[in-house]
Amino acid sequence: MQTIGLLIHQVLYIYSFFIIGYILMSWFPNARESSIGQFIGRIVEPYLEPFRKFIPPLGMIDISPIVAIIVLRLAGGGVRALFGI
């Protein structure tokens, strides 16, 4: 069971880096239109969409990805506690 918990924790950890990469791609022109950007967008956008519905942007700054990463990290900690890792 610890192996499953560790695998879930690692997947959540890696997914948070995909979100960070997606955030950083917004700083570069046309980065999200590249094939890698579109791939990461297809992976990350379905998760970020519910957060964007509840958290409005502050001017030009969208803080919903930050909240989404915090939720992922809390879920990873919960998985670690649940599986005793």
Protein backbone atom coordinates (compact mmCIF):
# COMPACT_ATOMS: atom_id res chain seq x y z
CA MET A 1 0.00 0.00 0.00
CA GLN A 2 2.88 2.37 0.65
CA THR A 3 4.00 1.93 -2.94
CA ILE A 4 0.61 3.06 -4.23
CA GLY A 5 0.65 6.03 -1.86
CA LEU A 6 4.14 6.97 -2.94
CA LEU A 7 3.15 6.73 -6.61
CA ILE A 8 0.10 8.96 -6.08
CA HIS A 9 2.20 11.45 -4.15
CA GLN A 10 4.82 11.57 -6.91
CA VAL A 11 2.19 12.05 -9.62
CA LEU A 12 0.68 14.97 -7.71
CA TYR A 13 4.16 16.45 -7.19
CA ILE A 14 5.03 16.19 -10.89
CA TYR A 15 1.64 17.60 -11.89
CA SER A 16 2.35 20.69 -9.79
CA PHE A 17 5.50 21.23 -11.89
CA PHE A 18 3.38 21.05 -15.04
CA ILE A 19 1.25 23.86 -13.60
CA ILE A 20 4.36 25.90 -12.79
CA GLY A 21 5.63 25.35 -16.34
CA TYR A 22 2.27 26.44 -17.72
CA ILE A 23 2.43 29.61 -15.62
CA LEU A 24 5.96 30.39 -16.81
CA MET A 25 4.94 29.86 -20.43
CA SER A 26 2.54 32.79 -20.11
CA TRP A 27 5.56 35.08 -19.78
CA PHE A 28 6.89 34.20 -23.23
CA PRO A 29 5.09 35.19 -26.43
CA ASN A 30 3.55 32.28 -28.37
CA ALA A 31 4.91 29.68 -25.95
CA ARG A 32 1.44 28.30 -25.25
CA GLU A 33 0.78 27.96 -28.97
CA SER A 34 3.75 25.61 -29.43
CA SER A 35 3.15 21.86 -29.47
CA ILE A 36 4.57 21.50 -25.95
CA GLY A 37 2.47 24.41 -24.73
CA GLN A 38 -0.69 22.92 -26.20
CA PHE A 39 0.11 19.54 -24.63
CA ILE A 40 0.65 21.06 -21.19
CA GLY A 41 -2.47 23.19 -21.65
CA ARG A 42 -4.59 20.10 -22.36
CA ILE A 43 -3.27 18.53 -19.18
CA VAL A 44 -3.45 21.55 -16.86
CA GLU A 45 -6.49 23.56 -18.00
CA PRO A 46 -9.17 21.05 -16.88
CA TYR A 47 -7.75 21.19 -13.35
CA LEU A 48 -7.39 24.99 -13.29
CA GLU A 49 -10.84 25.72 -14.70
CA PRO A 50 -12.81 25.16 -11.45
CA PHE A 51 -10.39 27.38 -9.54
CA ARG A 52 -10.82 30.17 -12.09
CA LYS A 53 -14.59 30.05 -11.62
CA PHE A 54 -14.28 30.82 -7.91
CA ILE A 55 -11.15 32.98 -7.77
CA PRO A 56 -11.35 36.13 -9.89
CA PRO A 57 -8.12 37.57 -11.29
CA LEU A 58 -6.59 40.48 -9.44
CA GLY A 59 -6.14 42.95 -12.26
CA MET A 60 -3.80 41.26 -14.71
CA ILE A 61 -2.69 38.62 -12.21
CA ASP A 62 -4.40 35.24 -12.07
CA ILE A 63 -3.79 33.67 -8.65
CA SER A 64 -5.89 30.56 -9.30
CA PRO A 65 -2.85 28.46 -10.33
CA ILE A 66 -1.19 29.28 -7.02
CA VAL A 67 -4.25 28.11 -5.12
CA ALA A 68 -4.40 25.01 -7.34
CA ILE A 69 -0.77 24.17 -6.50
CA ILE A 70 -1.45 24.65 -2.79
CA VAL A 71 -4.42 22.26 -3.03
CA LEU A 72 -2.22 19.71 -4.84
CA ARG A 73 0.47 19.95 -2.18
CA LEU A 74 -2.11 19.55 0.59
CA ALA A 75 -3.55 16.52 -1.21
CA GLY A 76 -0.04 15.07 -1.49
CA GLY A 77 0.45 15.56 2.23
CA GLY A 78 -2.89 13.89 2.86
CA VAL A 79 -1.85 10.93 0.73
CA ARG A 80 1.39 10.65 2.67
CA ALA A 81 -0.48 10.70 5.97
CA LEU A 82 -3.12 8.26 4.76
CA PHE A 83 -0.64 5.70 3.48
CA GLY A 84 1.94 6.27 6.22
CA ILE A 85 4.79 7.23 3.95
